[in-house]
């Protein structure tokens, strides 16, 4: 019964991530000059999976390079702030599909799109859509003065069956920040962290990287801290245009710990940072040979320590 209860809490967590507060930090921080090499990123798609007798949670990460004009057309307009310029000739879009299929509840599906500049990871826009539990559609535009959010939710159970564009519970919000006061040279987004882990040469120089990251409603200081190499068992499907190979081997993976600190904001309660469902003790394990993020671990509230491993990768 105790195991079953723990699994149920794990499933419920992925359906609704709670917010918990902790003190703001207003101390001046130093940040890294981010100069990423998109050519170092070997993957187009990553798939992770956690499966047990009561539920299956799958996470799929896709990376695309899109023409600047196509990206500009996809971004909404903000009523205030100077919008972040789209990188030319191409910018990137990272997409994360997450499905929680449980024997206790109907499936919950979430889709996240984030448009960003590939050289410095600066966020341009974001779209979040969730169906199956607390349905919503939230569209964001990043500016130099803050982030604009356009939110739609169904007003009643009848509207849940309609397409998100027909939902009538609508609200616009602008989350302001002063980058000069916070010392932030650029602002990136949580999902882009997995791209940074592959594109940065952390395994070569073993130097920490610090940057400003926008969560749901506020900014955080996130520090990538290399914590040595760890022997891990890798078992995943590697796909290319010409082949499909199962890779099973021991990997000396670099552990990159995420040190997270909330920055000053005008919110009444400090947001609880999360990355792919993990809240604390988050770590990304990178294979220094292939630059693949083969494992992600961390603490999940009410569940404890969890690990997701690479299940399948589509290479460029």
Protein backbone atom coordinates (compact mmCIF):
# COMPACT_ATOMS: atom_id res chain seq x y z
CA UNK A 1 0.00 0.00 0.00
CA UNK A 2 2.83 2.41 0.78
CA UNK A 3 4.38 1.83 -2.68
CA UNK A 4 1.00 2.26 -4.37
CA UNK A 5 0.39 5.51 -2.47
CA UNK A 6 3.78 6.84 -3.51
CA UNK A 7 3.09 6.05 -7.16
CA UNK A 8 -0.26 7.80 -6.96
CA UNK A 9 1.38 10.92 -5.55
CA UNK A 10 3.93 10.79 -8.38
CA UNK A 11 1.15 10.74 -10.98
CA UNK A 12 -0.85 13.50 -9.30
CA UNK A 13 2.25 15.69 -9.13
CA UNK A 14 2.77 15.57 -12.88
CA UNK A 15 -0.86 16.66 -13.34
CA UNK A 16 -0.61 19.74 -11.15
CA UNK A 17 2.67 21.25 -9.97
CA UNK A 18 2.10 23.15 -6.69
CA UNK A 19 3.62 26.46 -5.87
CA UNK A 20 5.64 26.82 -2.68
CA UNK A 21 7.38 29.93 -1.49
CA UNK A 22 10.91 30.61 -0.38
CA UNK A 23 12.75 33.88 0.26
CA UNK A 24 13.65 36.24 -2.57
CA UNK A 25 17.23 37.14 -3.22
CA UNK A 26 18.21 40.65 -4.24
CA UNK A 27 21.97 40.23 -4.10
CA UNK A 28 23.87 41.26 -7.20
CA UNK A 29 25.03 38.25 -9.15
CA UNK A 30 27.57 37.68 -11.89
CA UNK A 31 26.46 35.91 -15.04
CA UNK A 32 28.29 34.07 -17.76
CA UNK A 33 28.66 35.37 -21.27
CA UNK A 34 26.75 32.70 -23.14
CA UNK A 35 28.28 31.79 -26.48
CA UNK A 36 26.76 28.51 -27.61
CA UNK A 37 27.69 26.37 -30.58
CA UNK A 38 24.53 24.92 -32.17
CA UNK A 39 26.71 22.45 -34.10
CA UNK A 40 27.61 20.75 -30.81
CA UNK A 41 23.98 19.70 -30.33
CA UNK A 42 23.76 16.25 -31.99
CA UNK A 43 20.07 15.56 -31.45
CA UNK A 44 16.81 16.50 -33.08
CA UNK A 45 14.59 14.56 -30.70
CA UNK A 46 14.98 13.07 -27.22
CA UNK A 47 12.54 10.69 -25.57
CA UNK A 48 12.43 9.85 -21.86
CA UNK A 49 10.06 7.48 -20.11
CA UNK A 50 9.03 6.35 -16.63
CA UNK A 51 6.71 3.35 -16.48
CA UNK A 52 5.26 1.24 -13.70
CA UNK A 53 2.14 -0.83 -13.01
CA UNK A 54 -0.06 2.20 -12.30
CA UNK A 55 1.11 4.87 -14.74
CA UNK A 56 3.33 5.78 -17.65
CA UNK A 57 4.92 9.19 -18.02
CA UNK A 58 6.59 10.00 -21.33
CA UNK A 59 8.53 13.15 -22.22
CA UNK A 60 9.55 13.95 -25.78
CA UNK A 61 11.84 16.88 -26.62
CA UNK A 62 12.11 18.15 -30.20
CA UNK A 63 14.51 20.72 -31.60
CA UNK A 64 13.97 22.65 -34.84
CA UNK A 65 15.69 25.44 -36.71
CA UNK A 66 13.21 27.80 -38.36
CA UNK A 67 13.53 30.82 -40.70
CA UNK A 68 13.38 34.13 -38.90
CA UNK A 69 10.24 35.24 -40.72
CA UNK A 70 8.40 32.07 -39.70
CA UNK A 71 9.38 32.63 -36.07
CA UNK A 72 8.26 36.27 -36.16
CA UNK A 73 4.89 35.20 -37.55
CA UNK A 74 4.44 32.69 -34.71
CA UNK A 75 5.10 35.20 -31.92
CA UNK A 76 2.27 37.25 -30.42
CA UNK A 77 2.51 40.99 -29.99
CA UNK A 78 3.01 42.46 -26.55
CA UNK A 79 1.07 45.63 -25.60
CA UNK A 80 4.11 46.89 -23.71
CA UNK A 81 7.86 46.45 -23.65
CA UNK A 82 10.38 46.31 -26.49
CA UNK A 83 10.19 42.79 -27.98
CA UNK A 84 13.37 40.71 -28.13
CA UNK A 85 14.60 40.59 -31.71
CA UNK A 86 14.49 37.33 -33.62
CA UNK A 87 17.88 35.88 -34.52
CA UNK A 88 18.65 35.86 -38.26
CA UNK A 89 18.74 33.99 -40.53
CA UNK A 90 17.25 31.26 -38.34
CA UNK A 91 16.07 30.81 -34.77
CA UNK A 92 15.29 27.66 -32.83
CA UNK A 93 12.12 26.17 -31.42
CA UNK A 94 12.18 23.54 -28.70
CA UNK A 95 8.99 21.53 -28.17
CA UNK A 96 8.22 19.29 -25.21
CA UNK A 97 5.33 16.82 -25.29
CA UNK A 98 4.44 15.23 -21.95
CA UNK A 99 1.80 12.56 -21.41
CA UNK A 100 0.71 11.17 -18.06
CA UNK A 101 -1.36 8.02 -18.58
CA UNK A 102 -2.63 6.73 -15.24
CA UNK A 103 -5.02 4.00 -14.13
CA UNK A 104 -6.38 6.52 -11.60
CA UNK A 105 -7.22 9.38 -13.99
CA UNK A 106 -7.75 10.06 -17.66
CA UNK A 107 -4.58 10.94 -19.63
CA UNK A 108 -3.17 14.42 -19.17
CA UNK A 109 -1.32 15.89 -22.15
CA UNK A 110 0.81 19.01 -22.14
CA UNK A 111 2.63 20.69 -25.02
CA UNK A 112 5.23 23.43 -24.64
CA UNK A 113 6.85 25.41 -27.45
CA UNK A 114 9.72 27.81 -26.80
CA UNK A 115 11.30 29.97 -29.51
CA UNK A 116 14.84 31.14 -28.76
CA UNK A 117 18.06 32.43 -30.27
CA UNK A 118 20.51 29.52 -30.80
CA UNK A 119 23.75 31.40 -30.06
CA UNK A 120 22.93 32.82 -26.62
CA UNK A 121 19.68 30.97 -25.69
CA UNK A 122 17.72 34.24 -25.37
CA UNK A 123 14.01 33.43 -25.16
CA UNK A 124 11.64 35.00 -27.69
CA UNK A 125 8.26 33.44 -27.00
CA UNK A 126 6.50 30.48 -25.44
CA UNK A 127 3.26 28.53 -25.74
CA UNK A 128 1.90 26.18 -23.07
CA UNK A 129 -1.16 23.98 -23.64
CA UNK A 130 -2.58 21.44 -21.18
CA UNK A 131 -5.55 19.13 -21.76
CA UNK A 132 -7.06 16.58 -19.38
CA UNK A 133 -6.71 18.41 -16.05
CA UNK A 134 -6.96 22.13 -15.31
CA UNK A 135 -7.01 22.85 -19.05
CA UNK A 136 -5.34 26.06 -20.26
CA UNK A 137 -3.54 27.71 -23.13
CA UNK A 138 -0.91 30.34 -22.31
CA UNK A 139 1.04 32.30 -24.91
CA UNK A 140 4.03 34.46 -23.98
CA UNK A 141 6.18 37.15 -25.61
CA UNK A 142 9.54 38.10 -24.10
CA UNK A 143 10.54 41.76 -24.08
CA UNK A 144 13.39 43.80 -22.64
CA UNK A 145 11.15 45.00 -19.79
CA UNK A 146 9.31 41.78 -18.95
CA UNK A 147 7.16 38.95 -20.28
CA UNK A 148 3.64 39.35 -21.64
CA UNK A 149 1.21 36.44 -21.13
CA UNK A 150 -2.13 35.84 -22.87
CA UNK A 151 -4.09 33.12 -21.05
CA UNK A 152 -7.22 31.22 -22.10
CA UNK A 153 -9.19 28.73 -19.98
CA UNK A 154 -12.60 27.11 -20.36
CA UNK A 155 -15.19 28.94 -18.26
CA UNK A 156 -17.18 25.76 -17.57
CA UNK A 157 -17.29 22.03 -18.31
CA UNK A 158 -19.07 22.57 -21.60
CA UNK A 159 -16.22 24.71 -22.91
CA UNK A 160 -13.63 22.08 -22.03
CA UNK A 161 -14.82 20.07 -25.04
CA UNK A 162 -14.16 23.00 -27.38
CA UNK A 163 -10.90 24.00 -29.02
CA UNK A 164 -8.73 26.37 -26.93
CA UNK A 165 -9.46 29.26 -29.31
CA UNK A 166 -13.11 29.03 -28.23
CA UNK A 167 -12.42 29.24 -24.49
CA UNK A 168 -13.80 32.48 -23.06
CA UNK A 169 -12.03 32.82 -19.70
CA UNK A 170 -9.33 35.20 -20.97
CA UNK A 171 -6.73 37.19 -19.06
CA UNK A 172 -3.67 39.21 -20.09
CA UNK A 173 -0.75 39.76 -17.69
CA UNK A 174 2.63 41.48 -17.97
CA UNK A 175 5.38 40.24 -15.63
CA UNK A 176 7.80 43.12 -15.30
CA UNK A 177 11.49 43.03 -14.44
CA UNK A 178 14.48 45.34 -14.59
CA UNK A 179 17.37 43.46 -16.14
CA UNK A 180 19.92 46.17 -15.30
CA UNK A 181 19.03 46.11 -11.61
CA UNK A 182 19.05 42.31 -11.54
CA UNK A 183 22.30 42.16 -13.49
CA UNK A 184 20.82 39.91 -16.17
CA UNK A 185 22.46 40.30 -19.58
CA UNK A 186 19.90 38.00 -21.25
CA UNK A 187 16.86 35.93 -20.28
CA UNK A 188 16.33 32.33 -21.31
CA UNK A 189 13.57 29.81 -20.52
CA UNK A 190 13.49 26.60 -18.45
CA UNK A 191 13.11 24.15 -21.34
CA UNK A 192 16.08 25.66 -23.16
CA UNK A 193 18.33 24.41 -20.34
CA UNK A 194 18.52 20.97 -21.94
CA UNK A 195 19.74 22.61 -25.17
CA UNK A 196 22.35 24.62 -23.25
CA UNK A 197 23.60 21.45 -21.57
CA UNK A 198 24.46 20.01 -25.00
CA UNK A 199 25.59 23.23 -26.72
CA UNK A 200 27.94 24.48 -23.99
CA UNK A 201 31.43 23.02 -23.62
CA UNK A 202 31.09 22.34 -19.91
CA UNK A 203 32.62 18.86 -20.09
CA UNK A 204 35.80 20.35 -21.63
CA UNK A 205 36.46 23.40 -19.50
CA UNK A 206 34.56 22.23 -16.36
CA UNK A 207 33.62 25.85 -15.63
CA UNK A 208 30.20 26.75 -14.14
CA UNK A 209 27.71 28.76 -16.18
CA UNK A 210 25.17 31.19 -14.72
CA UNK A 211 22.19 32.75 -16.46
CA UNK A 212 18.76 34.29 -15.87
CA UNK A 213 15.81 32.00 -16.49
CA UNK A 214 12.11 32.86 -16.65
CA UNK A 215 9.87 30.29 -14.98
CA UNK A 216 6.10 30.70 -14.97
CA UNK A 217 5.89 34.24 -13.61
CA UNK A 218 9.33 35.40 -12.48
CA UNK A 219 13.07 35.25 -13.05
CA UNK A 220 15.57 32.89 -11.44
CA UNK A 221 19.33 32.68 -11.37
CA UNK A 222 20.31 29.21 -12.55
CA UNK A 223 23.88 28.02 -12.23
CA UNK A 224 25.17 24.98 -14.10
CA UNK A 225 27.74 23.45 -11.76
CA UNK A 226 29.86 20.52 -13.02
CA UNK A 227 30.18 17.88 -10.29
CA UNK A 228 32.48 15.29 -11.81
CA UNK A 229 31.97 12.17 -13.87
CA UNK A 230 29.70 9.31 -12.85
CA UNK A 231 29.41 5.77 -14.24
CA UNK A 232 25.89 5.23 -15.61
CA UNK A 233 24.21 2.45 -17.53
CA UNK A 234 22.84 3.77 -20.82
CA UNK A 235 20.23 1.83 -22.79
CA UNK A 236 18.49 3.70 -25.61
CA UNK A 237 17.56 3.54 -29.28
CA UNK A 238 19.71 5.70 -31.55
CA UNK A 239 18.07 6.69 -34.82
CA UNK A 240 19.48 8.37 -37.91
CA UNK A 241 18.10 8.77 -41.39
CA UNK A 242 19.85 5.55 -42.40
CA UNK A 243 19.89 3.34 -39.32
CA UNK A 244 18.39 2.40 -35.97
CA UNK A 245 20.73 0.98 -33.32
CA UNK A 246 20.23 0.04 -29.69
CA UNK A 247 22.99 1.47 -27.52
CA UNK A 248 23.69 -0.42 -24.30
CA UNK A 249 26.89 0.60 -22.52
CA UNK A 250 28.53 2.08 -19.46
CA UNK A 251 28.96 5.85 -19.77
CA UNK A 252 31.20 8.16 -17.77
CA UNK A 253 28.70 11.01 -17.72
CA UNK A 254 29.32 14.52 -16.43
CA UNK A 255 26.89 15.49 -13.70
CA UNK A 256 25.69 19.09 -14.09
CA UNK A 257 23.91 20.22 -10.94
CA UNK A 258 21.42 23.08 -11.21
CA UNK A 259 21.76 25.66 -8.44
CA UNK A 260 18.61 27.78 -8.44
CA UNK A 261 17.93 31.11 -6.77
CA UNK A 262 14.81 33.28 -7.21
CA UNK A 263 15.40 36.90 -8.20
CA UNK A 264 13.51 39.89 -6.84
CA UNK A 265 10.02 40.37 -8.27
CA UNK A 266 6.73 42.08 -7.42
CA UNK A 267 4.91 38.77 -6.87
CA UNK A 268 3.20 38.25 -3.51
CA UNK A 269 4.53 34.69 -3.33
CA UNK A 270 7.78 33.39 -4.74
CA UNK A 271 7.29 30.87 -7.49
CA UNK A 272 8.62 27.34 -7.07
CA UNK A 273 11.05 26.63 -9.90
CA UNK A 274 10.56 23.41 -11.85
CA UNK A 275 12.28 21.73 -14.80
CA UNK A 276 10.49 18.84 -16.52
CA UNK A 277 8.62 18.23 -13.27
CA UNK A 278 11.66 18.31 -10.96
CA UNK A 279 11.86 20.98 -8.25
CA UNK A 280 15.01 20.39 -6.18
CA UNK A 281 18.41 18.70 -6.47
CA UNK A 282 18.07 18.81 -10.26
CA UNK A 283 20.92 17.35 -12.28
CA UNK A 284 21.50 16.72 -15.98
CA UNK A 285 23.99 13.98 -16.91
CA UNK A 286 25.80 14.56 -20.20
CA UNK A 287 27.76 11.99 -22.16
CA UNK A 288 30.93 13.99 -23.03
CA UNK A 289 31.55 11.85 -26.11
CA UNK A 290 28.16 12.31 -27.78
CA UNK A 291 26.95 15.44 -25.90
CA UNK A 292 23.66 13.65 -25.24
CA UNK A 293 21.71 14.32 -22.02
CA UNK A 294 21.31 10.66 -21.12
CA UNK A 295 19.77 11.11 -17.66
CA UNK A 296 17.90 13.74 -15.63
CA UNK A 297 17.23 13.44 -11.91
CA UNK A 298 15.84 15.48 -9.06
CA UNK A 299 13.36 15.77 -6.21
CA UNK A 300 9.61 15.75 -6.80
CA UNK A 301 7.40 17.07 -3.98
CA UNK A 302 5.53 14.32 -2.08
CA UNK A 303 7.33 11.67 -4.15
CA UNK A 304 11.04 12.08 -3.51
CA UNK A 305 14.06 11.36 -5.67
CA UNK A 306 13.25 10.33 -9.25
CA UNK A 307 15.32 9.66 -12.36
CA UNK A 308 14.35 9.59 -16.02
CA UNK A 309 16.69 7.99 -18.54
CA UNK A 310 17.08 8.50 -22.25
CA UNK A 311 14.85 6.02 -24.07
CA UNK A 312 15.32 7.11 -27.69
CA UNK A 313 17.23 9.76 -29.63
CA UNK A 314 16.90 11.00 -33.20
CA UNK A 315 20.27 12.34 -34.36
CA UNK A 316 20.83 15.07 -36.90
